[in-house]
Amino acid sequence: MRNTLGLGLQIFKTIGILFPSITFFFANTSSGWRYLAAFPVVLGAVYLLHGRTEEAKQVIARLYGEEHVQTALSWLEVSKKPEAAEEGLAAPKKESMFNTRYRMQLLGGILLSCAQQLSGINAVFYYSDSIFSDAGISDSRVGTLIIDFINIWPAFFTGVLANRFGACTMILWGLAGMVAMSVGMPVALIVDVSALSIVFTALYVIVSGVTLGPLV
């Protein structure tokens, strides 16, 4: 279940990244970015206007079973006694997170999250238009669209690969692969082989999308 949720989150996140890249082709105006930035507000308003309790119950029943629906819903409800809730939750939270038994797990989770953020994938997305421009693609929107499109597919293979090789091994190989690709990208630009720089950039995104992205 944990892997399914992680993969689902990664896939839908990458699809959500792709959509704005598509809108750049018809919202490329001085005010177009304002409409794109305001769109998430519309989604939030829709959920606020529709009390989708029944749908929530169906999802909870599918995940946890019919007998646990009311229990799960009670966890989601805002407590009418904040002070009592704080007293009841303070001890378990301290025990579960900061107990010496879980110190290595907590440290590992923090380090993995830091590794994901510091891996450089965000810089690749941010500077993808410049990378592709140096490679000979004049329209920066095309380069961004290519990277975002490639980013969707690797997560579909993560589950099979993780079951065969293990998540830890995949993360280590993913970090090694991203280091290799990050060395190859500037080398390709220095020797002025534009096609090779595009290949290294695409491989960088693929390696990240199949390892650190969905597994962390």
N, C-alpha and C. Protein backbone atom coordinates (compact mmCIF):
# COMPACT_ATOMS: atom_id res chain seq x y z
N MET A 1 0.83 -1.20 0.00
CA MET A 1 0.00 0.00 0.00
C MET A 1 0.87 1.26 0.00
N ARG A 2 1.97 1.24 0.80
CA ARG A 2 2.84 2.40 0.86
C ARG A 2 3.45 2.69 -0.50
N ASN A 3 3.92 1.62 -1.19
CA ASN A 3 4.52 1.81 -2.50
C ASN A 3 3.50 2.30 -3.51
N THR A 4 2.27 1.79 -3.42
CA THR A 4 1.21 2.22 -4.34
C THR A 4 0.91 3.69 -4.16
N LEU A 5 0.80 4.13 -2.92
CA LEU A 5 0.54 5.55 -2.67
C LEU A 5 1.70 6.41 -3.14
N GLY A 6 2.92 5.95 -2.89
CA GLY A 6 4.09 6.72 -3.32
C GLY A 6 4.17 6.85 -4.82
N LEU A 7 3.94 5.73 -5.53
CA LEU A 7 3.98 5.77 -6.99
C LEU A 7 2.85 6.61 -7.55
N GLY A 8 1.65 6.46 -6.95
CA GLY A 8 0.52 7.26 -7.42
C GLY A 8 0.77 8.74 -7.25
N LEU A 9 1.35 9.11 -6.10
CA LEU A 9 1.67 10.52 -5.86
C LEU A 9 2.67 11.03 -6.89
N GLN A 10 3.71 10.24 -7.17
CA GLN A 10 4.73 10.65 -8.13
C GLN A 10 4.14 10.81 -9.53
N ILE A 11 3.31 9.86 -9.95
CA ILE A 11 2.74 9.91 -11.30
C ILE A 11 1.83 11.12 -11.47
N PHE A 12 0.94 11.33 -10.51
CA PHE A 12 0.02 12.46 -10.63
C PHE A 12 0.75 13.79 -10.47
N LYS A 13 1.82 13.78 -9.69
CA LYS A 13 2.62 15.01 -9.54
C LYS A 13 3.28 15.37 -10.86
N THR A 14 3.83 14.37 -11.55
CA THR A 14 4.49 14.65 -12.82
C THR A 14 3.48 15.07 -13.89
N ILE A 15 2.28 14.50 -13.85
CA ILE A 15 1.24 14.93 -14.78
C ILE A 15 0.85 16.38 -14.50
N GLY A 16 0.77 16.72 -13.21
CA GLY A 16 0.46 18.10 -12.84
C GLY A 16 1.54 19.07 -13.27
N ILE A 17 2.80 18.61 -13.31
CA ILE A 17 3.88 19.46 -13.80
C ILE A 17 3.79 19.65 -15.31
N LEU A 18 3.33 18.60 -16.01
CA LEU A 18 3.25 18.66 -17.47
C LEU A 18 2.20 19.65 -17.96
N PHE A 19 1.05 19.71 -17.29
CA PHE A 19 -0.04 20.55 -17.76
C PHE A 19 0.34 22.02 -17.91
N PRO A 20 1.01 22.63 -16.92
CA PRO A 20 1.42 24.04 -17.12
C PRO A 20 2.35 24.22 -18.31
N SER A 21 3.20 23.22 -18.59
CA SER A 21 4.09 23.33 -19.75
C SER A 21 3.29 23.38 -21.04
N ILE A 22 2.17 22.65 -21.08
CA ILE A 22 1.32 22.69 -22.27
C ILE A 22 0.63 24.04 -22.39
N THR A 23 0.19 24.58 -21.26
CA THR A 23 -0.53 25.86 -21.30
C THR A 23 0.36 27.02 -21.74
N PHE A 24 1.68 26.85 -21.61
CA PHE A 24 2.58 27.92 -22.05
C PHE A 24 2.41 28.25 -23.53
N PHE A 25 1.92 27.29 -24.31
CA PHE A 25 1.81 27.51 -25.75
C PHE A 25 0.60 28.38 -26.12
N PHE A 26 -0.41 28.45 -25.25
CA PHE A 26 -1.56 29.30 -25.57
C PHE A 26 -1.83 30.36 -24.50
N ALA A 27 -1.04 30.37 -23.43
CA ALA A 27 -1.18 31.40 -22.40
C ALA A 27 0.10 32.22 -22.30
N ASN A 28 0.81 32.31 -23.40
CA ASN A 28 2.08 33.03 -23.42
C ASN A 28 1.85 34.52 -23.66
N THR A 29 1.18 35.16 -22.69
CA THR A 29 0.89 36.59 -22.76
C THR A 29 1.35 37.25 -21.47
N SER A 30 1.26 38.57 -21.44
CA SER A 30 1.71 39.30 -20.25
C SER A 30 0.85 38.99 -19.04
N SER A 31 -0.40 38.61 -19.26
CA SER A 31 -1.31 38.31 -18.14
C SER A 31 -1.63 36.82 -18.02
N GLY A 32 -1.12 36.01 -18.95
CA GLY A 32 -1.46 34.59 -18.93
C GLY A 32 -1.01 33.88 -17.68
N TRP A 33 0.14 34.25 -17.15
CA TRP A 33 0.66 33.57 -15.96
C TRP A 33 -0.24 33.78 -14.76
N ARG A 34 -0.98 34.90 -14.74
CA ARG A 34 -1.88 35.16 -13.60
C ARG A 34 -3.01 34.13 -13.56
N TYR A 35 -3.54 33.79 -14.73
CA TYR A 35 -4.61 32.80 -14.77
C TYR A 35 -4.09 31.42 -14.37
N LEU A 36 -2.89 31.09 -14.79
CA LEU A 36 -2.31 29.80 -14.41
C LEU A 36 -2.07 29.73 -12.90
N ALA A 37 -1.57 30.83 -12.33
CA ALA A 37 -1.31 30.85 -10.90
C ALA A 37 -2.59 30.80 -10.08
N ALA A 38 -3.69 31.32 -10.64
CA ALA A 38 -4.96 31.36 -9.91
C ALA A 38 -5.75 30.06 -10.04
N PHE A 39 -5.36 29.18 -10.97
CA PHE A 39 -6.15 27.97 -11.21
C PHE A 39 -6.27 27.07 -9.97
N PRO A 40 -5.21 26.83 -9.20
CA PRO A 40 -5.37 26.00 -8.00
C PRO A 40 -6.40 26.54 -7.01
N VAL A 41 -6.59 27.86 -6.99
CA VAL A 41 -7.61 28.44 -6.11
C VAL A 41 -8.99 27.95 -6.51
N VAL A 42 -9.21 27.80 -7.82
CA VAL A 42 -10.50 27.30 -8.31
C VAL A 42 -10.74 25.88 -7.82
N LEU A 43 -9.72 25.04 -7.88
CA LEU A 43 -9.86 23.66 -7.40
C LEU A 43 -10.20 23.62 -5.92
N GLY A 44 -9.52 24.47 -5.14
CA GLY A 44 -9.82 24.52 -3.71
C GLY A 44 -11.23 24.97 -3.45
N ALA A 45 -11.72 25.94 -4.22
CA ALA A 45 -13.08 26.44 -4.04
C ALA A 45 -14.11 25.36 -4.36
N VAL A 46 -13.83 24.54 -5.38
CA VAL A 46 -14.75 23.46 -5.75
C VAL A 46 -14.90 22.47 -4.60
N TYR A 47 -13.79 22.09 -3.99
CA TYR A 47 -13.86 21.14 -2.88
C TYR A 47 -14.57 21.75 -1.67
N LEU A 48 -14.40 23.04 -1.45
CA LEU A 48 -15.07 23.69 -0.33
C LEU A 48 -16.57 23.77 -0.54
N LEU A 49 -16.98 23.97 -1.79
CA LEU A 49 -18.40 24.12 -2.09
C LEU A 49 -19.14 22.78 -2.12
N HIS A 50 -18.41 21.69 -2.26
CA HIS A 50 -19.03 20.37 -2.33
C HIS A 50 -18.56 19.53 -1.15
N GLY A 51 -19.49 19.23 -0.25
CA GLY A 51 -19.15 18.36 0.87
C GLY A 51 -19.11 16.92 0.39
N ARG A 52 -17.96 16.45 0.01
CA ARG A 52 -17.82 15.14 -0.62
C ARG A 52 -17.55 14.06 0.42
N THR A 53 -18.45 13.97 1.39
CA THR A 53 -18.28 13.01 2.49
C THR A 53 -18.41 11.57 2.02
N GLU A 54 -19.38 11.30 1.14
CA GLU A 54 -19.61 9.94 0.69
C GLU A 54 -18.42 9.41 -0.10
N GLU A 55 -17.84 10.27 -0.93
CA GLU A 55 -16.66 9.84 -1.67
C GLU A 55 -15.50 9.54 -0.73
N ALA A 56 -15.39 10.36 0.31
CA ALA A 56 -14.34 10.11 1.30
C ALA A 56 -14.56 8.76 1.99
N LYS A 57 -15.81 8.44 2.30
CA LYS A 57 -16.11 7.15 2.94
C LYS A 57 -15.75 5.98 2.03
N GLN A 58 -16.04 6.13 0.73
CA GLN A 58 -15.72 5.06 -0.21
C GLN A 58 -14.22 4.82 -0.30
N VAL A 59 -13.46 5.90 -0.32
CA VAL A 59 -12.01 5.76 -0.40
C VAL A 59 -11.47 5.11 0.86
N ILE A 60 -11.96 5.55 2.03
CA ILE A 60 -11.51 4.97 3.30
C ILE A 60 -11.87 3.50 3.38
N ALA A 61 -13.08 3.16 2.92
CA ALA A 61 -13.50 1.76 2.95
C ALA A 61 -12.62 0.90 2.05
N ARG A 62 -12.23 1.44 0.92
CA ARG A 62 -11.37 0.68 0.00
C ARG A 62 -9.98 0.49 0.57
N LEU A 63 -9.50 1.50 1.31
CA LEU A 63 -8.15 1.42 1.85
C LEU A 63 -8.08 0.64 3.15
N TYR A 64 -9.08 0.84 4.03
CA TYR A 64 -8.97 0.29 5.38
C TYR A 64 -10.08 -0.71 5.74
N GLY A 65 -11.11 -0.84 4.88
CA GLY A 65 -12.20 -1.75 5.18
C GLY A 65 -13.41 -1.02 5.74
N GLU A 66 -14.59 -1.58 5.49
CA GLU A 66 -15.84 -0.95 5.91
C GLU A 66 -15.90 -0.73 7.42
N GLU A 67 -15.35 -1.68 8.19
CA GLU A 67 -15.47 -1.60 9.63
C GLU A 67 -14.66 -0.47 10.25
N HIS A 68 -13.74 0.12 9.47
CA HIS A 68 -12.89 1.17 10.02
C HIS A 68 -13.23 2.55 9.48
N VAL A 69 -14.34 2.67 8.75
CA VAL A 69 -14.69 3.95 8.14
C VAL A 69 -14.93 5.01 9.19
N GLN A 70 -15.78 4.71 10.17
CA GLN A 70 -16.12 5.71 11.18
C GLN A 70 -14.91 6.08 12.03
N THR A 71 -14.08 5.09 12.30
CA THR A 71 -12.87 5.38 13.08
C THR A 71 -11.95 6.34 12.34
N ALA A 72 -11.75 6.06 11.05
CA ALA A 72 -10.88 6.94 10.25
C ALA A 72 -11.47 8.33 10.11
N LEU A 73 -12.79 8.41 9.94
CA LEU A 73 -13.43 9.72 9.83
C LEU A 73 -13.29 10.50 11.12
N SER A 74 -13.36 9.80 12.25
CA SER A 74 -13.23 10.50 13.53
C SER A 74 -11.83 11.08 13.69
N TRP A 75 -10.83 10.44 13.08
CA TRP A 75 -9.47 11.00 13.13
C TRP A 75 -9.38 12.30 12.35
N LEU A 76 -10.18 12.39 11.29
CA LEU A 76 -10.11 13.56 10.41
C LEU A 76 -10.92 14.74 10.94
N GLU A 77 -11.84 14.47 11.85
CA GLU A 77 -12.68 15.55 12.37
C GLU A 77 -11.88 16.45 13.30
N VAL A 78 -12.24 17.71 13.28
CA VAL A 78 -11.61 18.68 14.17
C VAL A 78 -12.12 18.44 15.59
N SER A 79 -11.21 18.31 16.51
CA SER A 79 -11.60 18.03 17.89
C SER A 79 -12.29 19.23 18.52
N LYS A 80 -13.32 18.94 19.29
CA LYS A 80 -14.03 20.00 19.99
C LYS A 80 -13.32 20.39 21.29
N LYS A 81 -12.33 19.59 21.64
CA LYS A 81 -11.58 19.87 22.86
C LYS A 81 -10.09 19.92 22.52
N PRO A 82 -9.63 21.07 22.05
CA PRO A 82 -8.23 21.15 21.61
C PRO A 82 -7.22 20.79 22.68
N GLU A 83 -7.50 21.24 23.90
CA GLU A 83 -6.53 20.98 24.97
C GLU A 83 -6.42 19.49 25.25
N ALA A 84 -7.57 18.82 25.27
CA ALA A 84 -7.55 17.38 25.52
C ALA A 84 -6.85 16.64 24.39
N ALA A 85 -7.08 17.13 23.17
CA ALA A 85 -6.44 16.49 22.02
C ALA A 85 -4.94 16.65 22.08
N GLU A 86 -4.48 17.85 22.47
CA GLU A 86 -3.05 18.08 22.56
C GLU A 86 -2.43 17.19 23.63
N GLU A 87 -3.13 17.04 24.76
CA GLU A 87 -2.61 16.19 25.81
C GLU A 87 -2.55 14.73 25.37
N GLY A 88 -3.59 14.31 24.60
CA GLY A 88 -3.63 12.93 24.17
C GLY A 88 -2.63 12.60 23.09
N LEU A 89 -2.26 13.59 22.27
CA LEU A 89 -1.37 13.33 21.15
C LEU A 89 0.08 13.62 21.45
N ALA A 90 0.33 14.45 22.47
CA ALA A 90 1.70 14.88 22.72
C ALA A 90 2.61 13.70 23.06
N ALA A 91 2.16 12.83 23.97
CA ALA A 91 3.00 11.73 24.41
C ALA A 91 3.30 10.72 23.30
N PRO A 92 2.26 10.24 22.54
CA PRO A 92 2.56 9.29 21.47
C PRO A 92 3.48 9.86 20.41
N LYS A 93 3.29 11.16 20.06
CA LYS A 93 4.13 11.76 19.04
C LYS A 93 5.58 11.78 19.49
N LYS A 94 5.82 12.16 20.75
CA LYS A 94 7.18 12.21 21.25
C LYS A 94 7.79 10.82 21.32
N GLU A 95 6.97 9.86 21.71
CA GLU A 95 7.48 8.50 21.85
C GLU A 95 7.77 7.89 20.48
N SER A 96 6.90 8.12 19.50
CA SER A 96 7.06 7.47 18.21
C SER A 96 8.16 8.09 17.37
N MET A 97 8.35 9.40 17.47
CA MET A 97 9.31 10.07 16.61
C MET A 97 10.71 10.17 17.21
N PHE A 98 10.78 10.42 18.49
CA PHE A 98 12.07 10.74 19.11
C PHE A 98 12.57 9.65 20.06
N ASN A 99 11.88 8.54 20.10
CA ASN A 99 12.38 7.43 20.89
C ASN A 99 13.68 6.91 20.29
N THR A 100 14.61 6.52 21.15
CA THR A 100 15.92 6.07 20.65
C THR A 100 15.82 4.86 19.73
N ARG A 101 14.74 4.09 19.86
CA ARG A 101 14.57 2.93 18.99
C ARG A 101 14.42 3.33 17.53
N TYR A 102 13.86 4.52 17.31
CA TYR A 102 13.58 4.97 15.94
C TYR A 102 14.53 6.07 15.49
N ARG A 103 15.64 6.23 16.20
CA ARG A 103 16.56 7.32 15.86
C ARG A 103 17.15 7.13 14.47
N MET A 104 17.56 5.92 14.13
CA MET A 104 18.16 5.67 12.82
C MET A 104 17.14 5.82 11.70
N GLN A 105 15.90 5.36 11.96
CA GLN A 105 14.86 5.52 10.94
C GLN A 105 14.56 6.99 10.69
N LEU A 106 14.49 7.77 11.78
CA LEU A 106 14.23 9.20 11.64
C LEU A 106 15.36 9.89 10.90
N LEU A 107 16.60 9.55 11.27
CA LEU A 107 17.76 10.14 10.61
C LEU A 107 17.81 9.75 9.13
N GLY A 108 17.49 8.49 8.86
CA GLY A 108 17.48 8.03 7.48
C GLY A 108 16.44 8.75 6.64
N GLY A 109 15.25 8.95 7.21
CA GLY A 109 14.20 9.67 6.49
C GLY A 109 14.59 11.10 6.19
N ILE A 110 15.22 11.76 7.18
CA ILE A 110 15.65 13.15 6.98
C ILE A 110 16.73 13.23 5.91
N LEU A 111 17.70 12.31 5.97
CA LEU A 111 18.79 12.33 4.99
C LEU A 111 18.29 12.03 3.58
N LEU A 112 17.34 11.11 3.46
CA LEU A 112 16.79 10.80 2.14
C LEU A 112 16.03 11.98 1.56
N SER A 113 15.27 12.66 2.42
CA SER A 113 14.54 13.85 1.96
C SER A 113 15.51 14.94 1.53
N CYS A 114 16.58 15.11 2.30
CA CYS A 114 17.60 16.10 1.91
C CYS A 114 18.27 15.71 0.61
N ALA A 115 18.55 14.42 0.44
CA ALA A 115 19.19 13.95 -0.79
C ALA A 115 18.31 14.21 -1.99
N GLN A 116 17.01 14.02 -1.81
CA GLN A 116 16.08 14.27 -2.92
C GLN A 116 16.08 15.74 -3.31
N GLN A 117 16.05 16.62 -2.31
CA GLN A 117 15.99 18.05 -2.60
C GLN A 117 17.32 18.58 -3.13
N LEU A 118 18.43 17.99 -2.69
CA LEU A 118 19.75 18.47 -3.09
C LEU A 118 20.33 17.69 -4.28
N SER A 119 19.53 16.81 -4.85
CA SER A 119 20.03 15.98 -5.95
C SER A 119 20.28 16.77 -7.21
N GLY A 120 19.63 17.93 -7.35
CA GLY A 120 19.82 18.76 -8.53
C GLY A 120 18.71 18.65 -9.55
N ILE A 121 17.72 17.80 -9.30
CA ILE A 121 16.64 17.63 -10.27
C ILE A 121 15.84 18.91 -10.45
N ASN A 122 15.67 19.66 -9.36
CA ASN A 122 14.94 20.93 -9.48
C ASN A 122 15.69 21.92 -10.37
N ALA A 123 17.01 21.91 -10.27
CA ALA A 123 17.82 22.79 -11.12
C ALA A 123 17.70 22.40 -12.58
N VAL A 124 17.64 21.09 -12.84
CA VAL A 124 17.49 20.63 -14.22
C VAL A 124 16.18 21.12 -14.82
N PHE A 125 15.10 21.03 -14.04
CA PHE A 125 13.82 21.52 -14.53
C PHE A 125 13.84 23.04 -14.70
N TYR A 126 14.45 23.72 -13.75
CA TYR A 126 14.45 25.18 -13.78
C TYR A 126 15.26 25.71 -14.96
N TYR A 127 16.39 25.06 -15.22
CA TYR A 127 17.28 25.54 -16.29
C TYR A 127 17.16 24.70 -17.56
N SER A 128 16.11 23.90 -17.68
CA SER A 128 15.98 23.05 -18.86
C SER A 128 15.87 23.88 -20.14
N ASP A 129 15.21 25.05 -20.06
CA ASP A 129 15.11 25.88 -21.26
C ASP A 129 16.48 26.37 -21.71
N SER A 130 17.34 26.73 -20.75
CA SER A 130 18.69 27.17 -21.10
C SER A 130 19.53 26.02 -21.65
N ILE A 131 19.36 24.84 -21.05
CA ILE A 131 20.12 23.68 -21.52
C ILE A 131 19.75 23.35 -22.96
N PHE A 132 18.46 23.34 -23.25
CA PHE A 132 18.03 23.01 -24.61
C PHE A 132 18.32 24.15 -25.57
N SER A 133 18.32 25.38 -25.08
CA SER A 133 18.69 26.51 -25.93
C SER A 133 20.14 26.41 -26.36
N ASP A 134 21.03 26.05 -25.42
CA ASP A 134 22.43 25.85 -25.76
C ASP A 134 22.62 24.66 -26.71
N ALA A 135 21.65 23.73 -26.64
CA ALA A 135 21.74 22.55 -27.51
C ALA A 135 21.16 22.81 -28.90
N GLY A 136 20.61 24.02 -29.12
CA GLY A 136 20.13 24.37 -30.44
C GLY A 136 18.63 24.48 -30.58
N ILE A 137 17.86 24.27 -29.51
CA ILE A 137 16.40 24.41 -29.57
C ILE A 137 16.05 25.84 -29.16
N SER A 138 15.56 26.62 -30.12
CA SER A 138 15.35 28.05 -29.88
C SER A 138 14.16 28.33 -28.98
N ASP A 139 13.09 27.54 -29.10
CA ASP A 139 11.89 27.78 -28.30
C ASP A 139 12.06 27.10 -26.94
N SER A 140 12.17 27.88 -25.89
CA SER A 140 12.40 27.32 -24.55
C SER A 140 11.23 26.48 -24.08
N ARG A 141 10.02 26.78 -24.57
CA ARG A 141 8.84 26.01 -24.16
C ARG A 141 8.95 24.56 -24.62
N VAL A 142 9.55 24.34 -25.77
CA VAL A 142 9.69 22.98 -26.29
C VAL A 142 10.60 22.15 -25.39
N GLY A 143 11.71 22.73 -24.96
CA GLY A 143 12.61 22.02 -24.08
C GLY A 143 11.97 21.66 -22.75
N THR A 144 11.23 22.62 -22.18
CA THR A 144 10.53 22.36 -20.92
C THR A 144 9.49 21.27 -21.09
N LEU A 145 8.76 21.31 -22.21
CA LEU A 145 7.73 20.30 -22.47
C LEU A 145 8.35 18.91 -22.62
N ILE A 146 9.48 18.83 -23.29
CA ILE A 146 10.15 17.53 -23.48
C ILE A 146 10.56 16.93 -22.13
N ILE A 147 11.16 17.75 -21.28
CA ILE A 147 11.60 17.27 -19.96
C ILE A 147 10.40 16.83 -19.12
N ASP A 148 9.35 17.63 -19.10
CA ASP A 148 8.17 17.30 -18.30
C ASP A 148 7.47 16.05 -18.82
N PHE A 149 7.48 15.85 -20.13
CA PHE A 149 6.85 14.66 -20.70
C PHE A 149 7.66 13.41 -20.35
N ILE A 150 8.97 13.50 -20.46
CA ILE A 150 9.83 12.37 -20.10
C ILE A 150 9.68 12.01 -18.63
N ASN A 151 9.45 13.00 -17.79
CA ASN A 151 9.39 12.81 -16.35
C ASN A 151 8.21 11.95 -15.90
N ILE A 152 7.20 11.80 -16.74
CA ILE A 152 6.00 11.05 -16.34
C ILE A 152 6.27 9.55 -16.29
N TRP A 153 6.99 9.01 -17.25
CA TRP A 153 7.01 7.57 -17.50
C TRP A 153 7.88 6.73 -16.58
N PRO A 154 8.99 7.21 -16.06
CA PRO A 154 9.84 6.32 -15.25
C PRO A 154 9.15 5.69 -14.05
N ALA A 155 8.25 6.43 -13.40
CA ALA A 155 7.62 5.92 -12.18
C ALA A 155 6.79 4.67 -12.43
N PHE A 156 6.33 4.46 -13.66
CA PHE A 156 5.54 3.26 -13.96
C PHE A 156 6.37 1.98 -13.83
N PHE A 157 7.68 2.09 -13.92
CA PHE A 157 8.55 0.92 -13.84
C PHE A 157 9.19 0.76 -12.46
N THR A 158 8.96 1.73 -11.58
CA THR A 158 9.62 1.69 -10.27
C THR A 158 9.19 0.49 -9.45
N GLY A 159 7.90 0.17 -9.45
CA GLY A 159 7.40 -0.93 -8.64
C GLY A 159 8.07 -2.25 -8.98
N VAL A 160 8.15 -2.56 -10.28
CA VAL A 160 8.77 -3.81 -10.71
C VAL A 160 10.25 -3.85 -10.35
N LEU A 161 10.94 -2.75 -10.59
CA LEU A 161 12.37 -2.70 -10.30
C LEU A 161 12.65 -2.77 -8.81
N ALA A 162 11.80 -2.09 -8.00
CA ALA A 162 12.00 -2.10 -6.55
C ALA A 162 11.79 -3.49 -5.97
N ASN A 163 10.82 -4.23 -6.50
CA ASN A 163 10.59 -5.59 -6.02
C ASN A 163 11.74 -6.52 -6.37
N ARG A 164 12.40 -6.24 -7.47
CA ARG A 164 13.49 -7.12 -7.91
C ARG A 164 14.82 -6.77 -7.26
N PHE A 165 15.13 -5.48 -7.19
CA PHE A 165 16.46 -5.06 -6.70
C PHE A 165 16.45 -4.48 -5.29
N GLY A 166 15.27 -4.06 -4.81
CA GLY A 166 15.19 -3.44 -3.49
C GLY A 166 15.29 -1.93 -3.57
N ALA A 167 14.54 -1.26 -2.72
CA ALA A 167 14.49 0.21 -2.77
C ALA A 167 15.84 0.83 -2.42
N CYS A 168 16.52 0.28 -1.43
CA CYS A 168 17.81 0.84 -1.01
C CYS A 168 18.83 0.78 -2.14
N THR A 169 18.91 -0.35 -2.81
CA THR A 169 19.84 -0.49 -3.94
C THR A 169 19.50 0.48 -5.05
N MET A 170 18.21 0.62 -5.33
CA MET A 170 17.80 1.52 -6.41
C MET A 170 18.14 2.97 -6.09
N ILE A 171 17.96 3.37 -4.84
CA ILE A 171 18.28 4.74 -4.45
C ILE A 171 19.77 5.01 -4.61
N LEU A 172 20.61 4.06 -4.18
CA LEU A 172 22.06 4.23 -4.30
C LEU A 172 22.49 4.30 -5.76
N TRP A 173 21.95 3.40 -6.58
CA TRP A 173 22.28 3.43 -8.00
C TRP A 173 21.72 4.69 -8.66
N GLY A 174 20.57 5.14 -8.18
CA GLY A 174 20.00 6.37 -8.72
C GLY A 174 20.88 7.58 -8.45
N LEU A 175 21.39 7.67 -7.23
CA LEU A 175 22.30 8.78 -6.90
C LEU A 175 23.57 8.71 -7.75
N ALA A 176 24.10 7.49 -7.91
CA ALA A 176 25.31 7.34 -8.73
C ALA A 176 25.04 7.71 -10.19
N GLY A 177 23.88 7.29 -10.69
CA GLY A 177 23.54 7.62 -12.06
C GLY A 177 23.34 9.10 -12.28
N MET A 178 22.74 9.78 -11.31
CA MET A 178 22.53 11.22 -11.44
C MET A 178 23.85 11.98 -11.40
N VAL A 179 24.79 11.49 -10.59
CA VAL A 179 26.13 12.10 -10.57
C VAL A 179 26.79 11.96 -11.94
N ALA A 180 26.68 10.76 -12.52
CA ALA A 180 27.29 10.53 -13.83
C ALA A 180 26.65 11.42 -14.90
N MET A 181 25.33 11.53 -14.87
CA MET A 181 24.65 12.37 -15.87
C MET A 181 24.97 13.85 -15.68
N SER A 182 25.11 14.28 -14.41
CA SER A 182 25.42 15.68 -14.15
C SER A 182 26.83 16.04 -14.61
N VAL A 183 27.71 15.05 -14.66
CA VAL A 183 29.05 15.27 -15.22
C VAL A 183 28.99 15.28 -16.75
N GLY A 184 28.17 14.40 -17.29
CA GLY A 184 28.07 14.30 -18.75
C GLY A 184 27.44 15.51 -19.41
N MET A 185 26.46 16.15 -18.74
CA MET A 185 25.78 17.30 -19.35
C MET A 185 26.73 18.45 -19.67
N PRO A 186 27.50 18.94 -18.70
CA PRO A 186 28.41 20.06 -19.04
C PRO A 186 29.52 19.65 -20.00
N VAL A 187 29.97 18.39 -19.90
CA VAL A 187 31.01 17.93 -20.83
C VAL A 187 30.49 17.98 -22.26
N ALA A 188 29.24 17.54 -22.46
CA ALA A 188 28.65 17.56 -23.80
C ALA A 188 28.52 18.98 -24.33
N LEU A 189 28.18 19.92 -23.43
CA LEU A 189 28.06 21.31 -23.86
C LEU A 189 29.43 21.92 -24.16
N ILE A 190 30.45 21.52 -23.39
CA ILE A 190 31.80 22.05 -23.61
C ILE A 190 32.36 21.59 -24.95
N VAL A 191 32.15 20.32 -25.26
CA VAL A 191 32.67 19.79 -26.54
C VAL A 191 31.73 20.09 -27.69
N ASP A 192 30.63 20.80 -27.39
CA ASP A 192 29.68 21.27 -28.40
C ASP A 192 29.02 20.12 -29.17
N VAL A 193 28.53 19.13 -28.39
CA VAL A 193 27.74 18.04 -28.97
C VAL A 193 26.33 18.19 -28.40
N SER A 194 25.50 18.95 -29.10
CA SER A 194 24.19 19.33 -28.57
C SER A 194 23.29 18.12 -28.34
N ALA A 195 23.31 17.17 -29.27
CA ALA A 195 22.44 16.00 -29.12
C ALA A 195 22.80 15.21 -27.87
N LEU A 196 24.09 15.13 -27.56
CA LEU A 196 24.52 14.37 -26.38
C LEU A 196 24.09 15.05 -25.09
N SER A 197 24.09 16.37 -25.06
CA SER A 197 23.64 17.08 -23.86
C SER A 197 22.15 16.84 -23.61
N ILE A 198 21.36 16.75 -24.68
CA ILE A 198 19.94 16.44 -24.53
C ILE A 198 19.76 15.03 -23.99
N VAL A 199 20.57 14.10 -24.48
CA VAL A 199 20.49 12.71 -24.01
C VAL A 199 20.83 12.63 -22.53
N PHE A 200 21.89 13.29 -22.10
CA PHE A 200 22.28 13.27 -20.69
C PHE A 200 21.20 13.90 -19.81
N THR A 201 20.60 14.98 -20.28
CA THR A 201 19.53 15.64 -19.52
C THR A 201 18.33 14.72 -19.38
N ALA A 202 17.95 14.06 -20.48
CA ALA A 202 16.81 13.14 -20.43
C ALA A 202 17.10 11.96 -19.51
N LEU A 203 18.32 11.42 -19.57
CA LEU A 203 18.69 10.30 -18.70
C LEU A 203 18.71 10.72 -17.23
N TYR A 204 19.13 11.94 -16.98
CA TYR A 204 19.12 12.46 -15.61
C TYR A 204 17.70 12.45 -15.04
N VAL A 205 16.76 12.95 -15.84
CA VAL A 205 15.36 12.99 -15.41
C VAL A 205 14.81 11.58 -15.24
N ILE A 206 15.16 10.68 -16.14
CA ILE A 206 14.67 9.30 -16.06
C ILE A 206 15.19 8.61 -14.80
N VAL A 207 16.48 8.75 -14.54
CA VAL A 207 17.08 8.11 -13.35
C VAL A 207 16.43 8.65 -12.08
N SER A 208 16.24 9.97 -12.02
CA SER A 208 15.59 10.55 -10.85
C SER A 208 14.15 10.09 -10.73
N GLY A 209 13.44 10.03 -11.86
CA GLY A 209 12.03 9.66 -11.83
C GLY A 209 11.77 8.21 -11.49
N VAL A 210 12.77 7.35 -11.65
CA VAL A 210 12.57 5.94 -11.34
C VAL A 210 13.14 5.56 -9.98
N THR A 211 13.92 6.45 -9.35
CA THR A 211 14.54 6.12 -8.06
C THR A 211 14.15 7.12 -6.96
N LEU A 212 14.83 8.24 -6.88
CA LEU A 212 14.60 9.18 -5.79
C LEU A 212 13.19 9.74 -5.78
N GLY A 213 12.65 10.03 -6.97
CA GLY A 213 11.33 10.65 -7.04
C GLY A 213 10.24 9.86 -6.33
N PRO A 214 9.95 8.62 -6.76
CA PRO A 214 8.87 7.86 -6.14
C PRO A 214 9.25 7.09 -4.88
N LEU A 215 10.54 6.81 -4.67
CA LEU A 215 10.94 5.95 -3.55
C LEU A 215 11.20 6.72 -2.26
N VAL A 216 11.40 8.02 -2.33
CA VAL A 216 11.70 8.80 -1.12
C VAL A 216 10.43 9.49 -0.66
